[in-house]
N, C-alpha and C. Protein backbone atom coordinates (compact mmCIF):
# COMPACT_ATOMS: atom_id res chain seq x y z
N MET A 1 104.77 345.49 -30.61
CA MET A 1 104.71 344.04 -30.68
C MET A 1 105.97 343.48 -30.03
N ASP A 2 105.78 342.37 -29.34
CA ASP A 2 106.94 341.69 -28.78
C ASP A 2 106.96 340.25 -29.26
N ILE A 3 108.07 339.61 -29.00
CA ILE A 3 108.28 338.24 -29.48
C ILE A 3 107.27 337.28 -28.86
N GLU A 4 106.78 337.59 -27.68
CA GLU A 4 105.79 336.73 -27.01
C GLU A 4 104.47 336.69 -27.78
N ALA A 5 104.13 337.76 -28.47
CA ALA A 5 102.90 337.77 -29.28
C ALA A 5 103.01 336.77 -30.42
N ILE A 6 104.20 336.65 -30.99
CA ILE A 6 104.42 335.69 -32.07
C ILE A 6 104.37 334.27 -31.52
N ARG A 7 105.00 334.07 -30.36
CA ARG A 7 104.96 332.74 -29.73
C ARG A 7 103.52 332.33 -29.42
N ALA A 8 102.74 333.27 -28.93
CA ALA A 8 101.34 332.98 -28.60
C ALA A 8 100.54 332.63 -29.85
N ALA A 9 100.77 333.35 -30.93
CA ALA A 9 100.07 333.06 -32.19
C ALA A 9 100.45 331.68 -32.70
N ARG A 10 101.73 331.35 -32.62
CA ARG A 10 102.20 330.03 -33.05
C ARG A 10 101.58 328.93 -32.19
N ALA A 11 101.52 329.14 -30.89
CA ALA A 11 100.94 328.14 -29.98
C ALA A 11 99.46 327.94 -30.27
N ARG A 12 98.73 329.03 -30.51
CA ARG A 12 97.30 328.91 -30.84
C ARG A 12 97.11 328.11 -32.12
N GLU A 13 97.95 328.37 -33.10
CA GLU A 13 97.85 327.66 -34.38
C GLU A 13 98.16 326.18 -34.20
N GLN A 14 99.17 325.86 -33.40
CA GLN A 14 99.53 324.47 -33.17
C GLN A 14 98.44 323.71 -32.42
N ASP A 15 97.75 324.39 -31.53
CA ASP A 15 96.73 323.75 -30.71
C ASP A 15 95.41 323.54 -31.44
N ALA A 16 95.19 324.27 -32.52
CA ALA A 16 93.90 324.22 -33.22
C ALA A 16 93.97 323.23 -34.39
N ALA A 17 92.86 322.52 -34.59
CA ALA A 17 92.79 321.58 -35.71
C ALA A 17 92.61 322.32 -37.04
N SER A 18 91.89 323.42 -37.01
CA SER A 18 91.68 324.21 -38.23
C SER A 18 92.46 325.52 -38.11
N LEU A 19 92.44 326.28 -39.17
CA LEU A 19 93.19 327.54 -39.18
C LEU A 19 92.61 328.53 -38.17
N VAL A 20 93.50 329.21 -37.49
CA VAL A 20 93.12 330.24 -36.53
C VAL A 20 92.98 331.54 -37.30
N GLU A 21 91.91 332.27 -37.04
CA GLU A 21 91.71 333.54 -37.73
C GLU A 21 92.80 334.53 -37.32
N LEU A 22 93.40 335.16 -38.32
CA LEU A 22 94.43 336.17 -38.07
C LEU A 22 93.80 337.55 -38.13
N ALA A 23 94.08 338.35 -37.11
CA ALA A 23 93.57 339.72 -37.10
C ALA A 23 94.29 340.52 -38.17
N GLU A 24 93.65 341.59 -38.62
CA GLU A 24 94.27 342.49 -39.60
C GLU A 24 94.91 343.65 -38.87
N PRO A 25 96.09 344.07 -39.19
CA PRO A 25 97.02 343.39 -40.08
C PRO A 25 97.45 342.07 -39.45
N THR A 26 97.83 341.11 -40.27
CA THR A 26 98.15 339.78 -39.77
C THR A 26 99.41 339.80 -38.92
N ILE A 27 99.59 338.74 -38.16
CA ILE A 27 100.79 338.60 -37.33
C ILE A 27 102.05 338.68 -38.19
N PHE A 28 101.96 338.20 -39.42
CA PHE A 28 103.11 338.26 -40.31
C PHE A 28 103.45 339.71 -40.67
N GLU A 29 102.42 340.49 -40.98
CA GLU A 29 102.62 341.90 -41.33
C GLU A 29 103.11 342.70 -40.12
N ARG A 30 102.54 342.43 -38.96
CA ARG A 30 102.97 343.14 -37.74
C ARG A 30 104.40 342.78 -37.37
N THR A 31 104.76 341.51 -37.57
CA THR A 31 106.12 341.08 -37.27
C THR A 31 107.11 341.76 -38.20
N GLN A 32 106.78 341.83 -39.48
CA GLN A 32 107.67 342.50 -40.44
C GLN A 32 107.88 343.96 -40.04
N ALA A 33 106.79 344.62 -39.66
CA ALA A 33 106.90 346.03 -39.25
C ALA A 33 107.77 346.16 -38.00
N ALA A 34 107.62 345.23 -37.05
CA ALA A 34 108.42 345.28 -35.82
C ALA A 34 109.90 345.02 -36.12
N VAL A 35 110.18 344.13 -37.05
CA VAL A 35 111.58 343.88 -37.45
C VAL A 35 112.14 345.12 -38.13
N ASP A 36 111.36 345.69 -39.06
CA ASP A 36 111.80 346.89 -39.77
C ASP A 36 112.10 348.04 -38.82
N ASP A 37 111.30 348.14 -37.74
CA ASP A 37 111.47 349.22 -36.77
C ASP A 37 112.50 348.88 -35.69
N GLY A 38 113.08 347.67 -35.75
CA GLY A 38 114.08 347.27 -34.76
C GLY A 38 113.49 346.95 -33.39
N GLU A 39 112.19 346.68 -33.33
CA GLU A 39 111.53 346.42 -32.05
C GLU A 39 111.79 345.01 -31.53
N ILE A 40 112.04 344.06 -32.43
CA ILE A 40 112.25 342.67 -32.02
C ILE A 40 113.46 342.10 -32.74
N ASP A 41 114.03 341.06 -32.17
CA ASP A 41 115.18 340.39 -32.74
C ASP A 41 114.80 339.70 -34.04
N THR A 42 115.55 339.96 -35.08
CA THR A 42 115.24 339.42 -36.40
C THR A 42 115.30 337.90 -36.43
N GLU A 43 116.34 337.31 -35.84
CA GLU A 43 116.47 335.84 -35.88
C GLU A 43 115.30 335.15 -35.19
N ASP A 44 114.92 335.64 -34.02
CA ASP A 44 113.77 335.06 -33.32
C ASP A 44 112.50 335.22 -34.14
N ALA A 45 112.33 336.40 -34.72
CA ALA A 45 111.13 336.66 -35.52
C ALA A 45 111.06 335.73 -36.72
N VAL A 46 112.18 335.54 -37.39
CA VAL A 46 112.21 334.65 -38.56
C VAL A 46 111.88 333.22 -38.14
N GLN A 47 112.49 332.75 -37.08
CA GLN A 47 112.25 331.38 -36.62
C GLN A 47 110.78 331.17 -36.27
N LEU A 48 110.22 332.07 -35.48
CA LEU A 48 108.84 331.89 -35.02
C LEU A 48 107.83 332.06 -36.15
N THR A 49 108.04 333.04 -37.02
CA THR A 49 107.08 333.20 -38.12
C THR A 49 107.20 332.06 -39.13
N THR A 50 108.40 331.51 -39.29
CA THR A 50 108.55 330.34 -40.16
C THR A 50 107.79 329.15 -39.58
N GLU A 51 107.90 328.94 -38.29
CA GLU A 51 107.16 327.85 -37.64
C GLU A 51 105.66 328.06 -37.77
N LEU A 52 105.21 329.28 -37.59
CA LEU A 52 103.78 329.59 -37.73
C LEU A 52 103.33 329.38 -39.17
N ALA A 53 104.12 329.86 -40.12
CA ALA A 53 103.77 329.69 -41.53
C ALA A 53 103.74 328.22 -41.91
N ASP A 54 104.69 327.44 -41.41
CA ASP A 54 104.71 326.00 -41.71
C ASP A 54 103.48 325.30 -41.13
N GLU A 55 103.08 325.69 -39.95
CA GLU A 55 101.89 325.11 -39.32
C GLU A 55 100.65 325.41 -40.17
N ARG A 56 100.55 326.65 -40.62
CA ARG A 56 99.41 327.03 -41.46
C ARG A 56 99.48 326.35 -42.82
N ALA A 57 100.69 326.20 -43.36
CA ALA A 57 100.85 325.58 -44.68
C ALA A 57 100.32 324.15 -44.69
N GLY A 58 100.58 323.41 -43.63
CA GLY A 58 100.06 322.05 -43.55
C GLY A 58 98.55 322.01 -43.62
N LYS A 59 97.92 322.95 -42.94
CA LYS A 59 96.45 323.03 -42.95
C LYS A 59 95.94 323.49 -44.31
N LEU A 60 96.66 324.38 -44.96
CA LEU A 60 96.27 324.85 -46.29
C LEU A 60 96.39 323.73 -47.32
N LEU A 61 97.43 322.92 -47.20
CA LEU A 61 97.59 321.78 -48.11
C LEU A 61 96.44 320.79 -47.95
N LYS A 62 96.01 320.60 -46.72
CA LYS A 62 94.88 319.70 -46.46
C LYS A 62 93.61 320.27 -47.11
N LEU A 63 93.39 321.57 -46.96
CA LEU A 63 92.23 322.21 -47.60
C LEU A 63 92.28 322.02 -49.12
N ALA A 64 93.45 322.24 -49.70
CA ALA A 64 93.59 322.10 -51.15
C ALA A 64 93.31 320.67 -51.60
N SER A 65 93.81 319.72 -50.85
CA SER A 65 93.59 318.32 -51.19
C SER A 65 92.11 317.96 -51.13
N PHE A 66 91.44 318.39 -50.07
CA PHE A 66 90.00 318.14 -49.95
C PHE A 66 89.23 318.79 -51.09
N ARG A 67 89.57 320.05 -51.36
CA ARG A 67 88.87 320.79 -52.41
C ARG A 67 89.09 320.15 -53.78
N ALA A 68 90.31 319.71 -54.06
CA ALA A 68 90.61 319.06 -55.33
C ALA A 68 89.86 317.74 -55.47
N ALA A 69 89.53 317.12 -54.34
CA ALA A 69 88.77 315.87 -54.35
C ALA A 69 87.27 316.12 -54.43
N GLY A 70 86.88 317.39 -54.53
CA GLY A 70 85.47 317.74 -54.66
C GLY A 70 84.73 317.85 -53.34
N MET A 71 85.46 317.87 -52.25
CA MET A 71 84.84 317.97 -50.94
C MET A 71 84.68 319.44 -50.55
N ALA A 72 83.68 319.70 -49.74
CA ALA A 72 83.46 321.06 -49.23
C ALA A 72 84.53 321.37 -48.19
N VAL A 73 84.97 322.61 -48.16
CA VAL A 73 85.96 323.02 -47.17
C VAL A 73 85.44 324.22 -46.39
N ASN A 74 85.96 324.38 -45.20
CA ASN A 74 85.61 325.50 -44.34
C ASN A 74 86.69 326.57 -44.51
N TRP A 75 86.29 327.73 -44.99
CA TRP A 75 87.24 328.81 -45.26
C TRP A 75 87.50 329.69 -44.04
N ASP A 76 86.92 329.36 -42.90
CA ASP A 76 87.13 330.18 -41.70
C ASP A 76 88.62 330.25 -41.37
N GLY A 77 89.10 331.44 -41.08
CA GLY A 77 90.48 331.64 -40.70
C GLY A 77 91.45 331.77 -41.85
N VAL A 78 90.98 331.62 -43.09
CA VAL A 78 91.86 331.68 -44.26
C VAL A 78 91.94 333.13 -44.74
N THR A 79 93.14 333.64 -44.89
CA THR A 79 93.31 335.00 -45.41
C THR A 79 93.11 334.99 -46.92
N ASP A 80 92.96 336.16 -47.50
CA ASP A 80 92.82 336.26 -48.97
C ASP A 80 94.04 335.68 -49.67
N GLN A 81 95.22 335.97 -49.15
CA GLN A 81 96.46 335.46 -49.74
C GLN A 81 96.50 333.93 -49.66
N GLU A 82 96.08 333.39 -48.53
CA GLU A 82 96.07 331.94 -48.36
C GLU A 82 95.02 331.28 -49.26
N ARG A 83 93.88 331.93 -49.41
CA ARG A 83 92.84 331.37 -50.28
C ARG A 83 93.34 331.29 -51.73
N ALA A 84 94.03 332.33 -52.17
CA ALA A 84 94.60 332.31 -53.52
C ALA A 84 95.61 331.17 -53.66
N LEU A 85 96.40 330.94 -52.63
CA LEU A 85 97.36 329.83 -52.64
C LEU A 85 96.63 328.50 -52.74
N VAL A 86 95.57 328.32 -51.95
CA VAL A 86 94.80 327.08 -51.98
C VAL A 86 94.21 326.86 -53.36
N GLU A 87 93.62 327.89 -53.94
CA GLU A 87 93.01 327.76 -55.27
C GLU A 87 94.07 327.39 -56.32
N ASP A 88 95.26 327.97 -56.20
CA ASP A 88 96.35 327.63 -57.11
C ASP A 88 96.76 326.17 -56.93
N LEU A 89 96.86 325.72 -55.69
CA LEU A 89 97.20 324.33 -55.42
C LEU A 89 96.13 323.38 -55.95
N VAL A 90 94.87 323.76 -55.80
CA VAL A 90 93.77 322.93 -56.31
C VAL A 90 93.91 322.77 -57.82
N ALA A 91 94.14 323.86 -58.52
CA ALA A 91 94.29 323.80 -59.98
C ALA A 91 95.45 322.89 -60.36
N ARG A 92 96.54 323.01 -59.64
CA ARG A 92 97.71 322.17 -59.94
C ARG A 92 97.45 320.70 -59.62
N LEU A 93 96.76 320.45 -58.52
CA LEU A 93 96.42 319.06 -58.17
C LEU A 93 95.49 318.45 -59.21
N GLU A 94 94.50 319.22 -59.65
CA GLU A 94 93.58 318.71 -60.66
C GLU A 94 94.30 318.46 -61.98
N GLU A 95 95.19 319.37 -62.35
CA GLU A 95 95.97 319.20 -63.58
C GLU A 95 96.85 317.95 -63.49
N TRP A 96 97.49 317.78 -62.36
CA TRP A 96 98.33 316.60 -62.16
C TRP A 96 97.49 315.33 -62.22
N ARG A 97 96.37 315.33 -61.53
CA ARG A 97 95.50 314.14 -61.52
C ARG A 97 95.06 313.79 -62.93
N ASP A 98 94.68 314.80 -63.70
CA ASP A 98 94.26 314.56 -65.09
C ASP A 98 95.41 313.99 -65.93
N SER A 99 96.63 314.39 -65.62
CA SER A 99 97.77 313.91 -66.41
C SER A 99 98.15 312.47 -66.10
N VAL A 100 97.77 311.98 -64.94
CA VAL A 100 98.16 310.61 -64.56
C VAL A 100 97.02 309.61 -64.67
N THR A 101 95.81 310.07 -64.91
CA THR A 101 94.69 309.13 -65.05
C THR A 101 94.53 308.79 -66.52
N PRO A 102 94.16 307.54 -66.80
CA PRO A 102 94.01 307.12 -68.19
C PRO A 102 92.94 307.92 -68.92
N ASP A 103 93.22 308.20 -70.18
CA ASP A 103 92.26 308.89 -71.04
C ASP A 103 91.21 307.88 -71.48
N THR A 104 89.94 308.17 -71.25
CA THR A 104 88.88 307.21 -71.56
C THR A 104 88.19 307.51 -72.88
N GLU A 105 88.54 308.60 -73.55
CA GLU A 105 87.87 308.97 -74.81
C GLU A 105 88.13 307.95 -75.92
N ASP A 106 89.33 307.41 -75.99
CA ASP A 106 89.68 306.47 -77.06
C ASP A 106 89.48 305.01 -76.65
N SER A 107 88.96 304.80 -75.48
CA SER A 107 88.79 303.44 -74.97
C SER A 107 87.61 302.75 -75.63
N ASP A 108 87.71 301.44 -75.80
CA ASP A 108 86.62 300.65 -76.39
C ASP A 108 85.53 300.37 -75.38
N GLU A 109 85.75 300.64 -74.13
CA GLU A 109 84.76 300.32 -73.09
C GLU A 109 83.72 301.37 -72.96
């Protein structure tokens, strides 16, 4: 693996409106292995994978928000780890929403 593969993955993610499918092992796993093996510069790898992760995080937050609102979402391109993150965010969003909306059980209406 070289640093250009990470740049290309980041560029594809930035250009796409939805999540880009990651091959197995993911670019993150391959980058970690390349850093561990001394194949690529650690600073460059950290910067580029952080940018890629941030790009994906924004899309994952959008999925979680839609799902918490009861809307259907497209899971294409979402890894198992990312899906677990989205489901956790959905649960937290729903819990938060319930905590800030008025309780109607005791209402006279």
